[in-house]
C-alpha atoms as a PDB file:
ATOM      1  CA  MET A   1       0.343  -0.482  -0.172  1.00  0.00           C
ATOM      2  CA  GLU A   2       3.054   2.367   1.009  1.00  0.00           C
ATOM      3  CA  GLU A   3       3.652   1.333  -2.053  1.00  0.00           C
ATOM      4  CA  THR A   4       1.814   2.456  -4.251  1.00  0.00           C
ATOM      5  CA  LEU A   5       0.465   5.952  -2.687  1.00  0.00           C
ATOM      6  CA  ARG A   6       4.744   6.316  -2.958  1.00  0.00           C
ATOM      7  CA  ALA A   7       4.163   5.932  -7.159  1.00  0.00           C
ATOM      8  CA  MET A   8       1.409   7.865  -7.270  1.00  0.00           C
ATOM      9  CA  HIS A   9       3.009  11.132  -5.571  1.00  0.00           C
ATOM     10  CA  LEU A  10       6.319  10.295  -7.393  1.00  0.00           C
ATOM     11  CA  ALA A  11       3.343  10.414 -10.347  1.00  0.00           C
ATOM     12  CA  ASN A  12       1.791  13.167  -9.089  1.00  0.00           C
ATOM     13  CA  THR A  13       5.527  15.717  -8.844  1.00  0.00           C
ATOM     14  CA  VAL A  14       7.525  14.593 -12.202  1.00  0.00           C
ATOM     15  CA  ASP A  15       3.073  15.637 -13.681  1.00  0.00           C
ATOM     16  CA  ASN A  16       3.166  18.745 -11.709  1.00  0.00           C
ATOM     17  CA  THR A  17       6.692  19.719 -12.126  1.00  0.00           C
ATOM     18  CA  TYR A  18       6.355  19.108 -15.829  1.00  0.00           C
ATOM     19  CA  GLU A  19       2.472  20.829 -16.722  1.00  0.00           C
ATOM     20  CA  TRP A  20       4.786  23.907 -14.483  1.00  0.00           C
ATOM     21  CA  GLY A  21       7.311  23.716 -17.421  1.00  0.00           C
ATOM     22  CA  VAL A  22       5.212  23.455 -20.401  1.00  0.00           C
ATOM     23  CA  GLY A  23       2.205  26.794 -19.151  1.00  0.00           C
ATOM     24  CA  TRP A  24       5.678  28.987 -18.877  1.00  0.00           C
ATOM     25  CA  LEU A  25       7.163  27.377 -21.534  1.00  0.00           C
ATOM     26  CA  ARG A  26       3.556  28.202 -23.170  1.00  0.00           C
ATOM     27  CA  THR A  27       3.185  31.663 -22.213  1.00  0.00           C
ATOM     28  CA  LEU A  28       7.061  32.729 -22.478  1.00  0.00           C
ATOM     29  CA  LEU A  29       6.240  32.072 -26.407  1.00  0.00           C
ATOM     30  CA  ALA A  30       2.833  32.999 -26.448  1.00  0.00           C
ATOM     31  CA  ALA A  31       4.817  36.757 -24.942  1.00  0.00           C
ATOM     32  CA  ILE A  32       7.436  36.939 -27.634  1.00  0.00           C
ATOM     33  CA  ILE A  33       5.703  36.367 -30.440  1.00  0.00           C
ATOM     34  CA  SER A  34       3.163  39.158 -29.153  1.00  0.00           C
ATOM     35  CA  ALA A  35       5.210  41.376 -29.078  1.00  0.00           C
ATOM     36  CA  LEU A  36       6.543  40.318 -32.291  1.00  0.00           C
ATOM     37  CA  ILE A  37       3.315  40.560 -33.989  1.00  0.00           C
ATOM     38  CA  VAL A  38       2.910  43.709 -32.229  1.00  0.00           C
ATOM     39  CA  SER A  39       6.229  45.573 -33.696  1.00  0.00           C
ATOM     40  CA  TYR A  40       5.621  44.509 -37.007  1.00  0.00           C
ATOM     41  CA  ILE A  41       2.153  45.986 -37.709  1.00  0.00           C
ATOM     42  CA  GLU A  42       4.138  48.779 -35.923  1.00  0.00           C
ATOM     43  CA  SER A  43       6.434  48.554 -38.510  1.00  0.00           C
ATOM     44  CA  VAL A  44       4.517  48.685 -41.300  1.00  0.00           C
ATOM     45  CA  SER A  45       1.761  50.715 -40.675  1.00  0.00           C
ATOM     46  CA  ASP A  46       1.322  54.526 -38.696  1.00  0.00           C
ATOM     47  CA  PHE A  47      -0.147  52.740 -35.677  1.00  0.00           C
ATOM     48  CA  THR A  48       1.350  53.087 -32.172  1.00  0.00           C
ATOM     49  CA  LEU A  49       0.052  51.005 -28.860  1.00  0.00           C
ATOM     50  CA  TRP A  50       1.826  52.738 -26.858  1.00  0.00           C
ATOM     51  CA  GLY A  51       0.420  56.381 -29.108  1.00  0.00           C
ATOM     52  CA  TRP A  52      -3.024  54.621 -28.350  1.00  0.00           C
ATOM     53  CA  THR A  53      -2.887  53.237 -25.090  1.00  0.00           C
ATOM     54  CA  VAL A  54      -1.585  56.812 -23.585  1.00  0.00           C
ATOM     55  CA  GLU A  55      -4.321  58.995 -25.260  1.00  0.00           C
ATOM     56  CA  TRP A  56      -6.936  56.551 -24.265  1.00  0.00           C
ATOM     57  CA  PHE A  57      -5.805  57.450 -20.853  1.00  0.00           C
ATOM     58  CA  TRP A  58      -5.264  60.786 -21.261  1.00  0.00           C
ATOM     59  CA  GLY A  59      -8.919  60.883 -22.366  1.00  0.00           C
ATOM     60  CA  GLU A  60      -9.803  58.649 -19.985  1.00  0.00           C
ATOM     61  CA  VAL A  61      -8.761  60.876 -16.867  1.00  0.00           C
ATOM     62  CA  GLN A  62     -10.335  64.377 -19.076  1.00  0.00           C
ATOM     63  CA  ASP A  63     -13.668  62.587 -18.790  1.00  0.00           C
ATOM     64  CA  LEU A  64     -12.744  62.242 -14.534  1.00  0.00           C
ATOM     65  CA  ALA A  65     -11.619  65.110 -14.595  1.00  0.00           C
ATOM     66  CA  ASP A  66     -14.392  67.023 -15.920  1.00  0.00           C
ATOM     67  CA  TRP A  67     -17.410  64.953 -14.382  1.00  0.00           C
ATOM     68  CA  LEU A  68     -15.709  65.408 -11.528  1.00  0.00           C
ATOM     69  CA  ALA A  69     -15.480  69.074 -11.309  1.00  0.00           C
ATOM     70  CA  ASP A  70     -18.876  69.001 -12.775  1.00  0.00           C
ATOM     71  CA  LYS A  71     -20.227  67.950  -9.635  1.00  0.00           C
ATOM     72  CA  VAL A  72     -18.259  69.810  -7.462  1.00  0.00           C
ATOM     73  CA  SER A  73     -19.301  72.679  -9.047  1.00  0.00           C
ATOM     74  CA  ASN A  74     -23.880  71.412  -8.852  1.00  0.00           C
ATOM     75  CA  ILE A  75     -23.059  70.680  -4.985  1.00  0.00           C
ATOM     76  CA  GLY A  76     -21.995  75.019  -3.917  1.00  0.00           C
END
């Protein structure tokens, strides 16, 4: 009985280690491929992900500031 449990534990440990390693490998591969795809798209067009993200975020900040200013002016 103890040998069976030990074998099951070893198999589970090997499986977890394999899945962990494969999971990280897939994650790194997906990140590298995504970076290369975005870089290629940016190099052949006038699209920039960084500029688009910053512009979107700044627009959200301005909308929030306008909303807050409107709320404060309605209180007073």
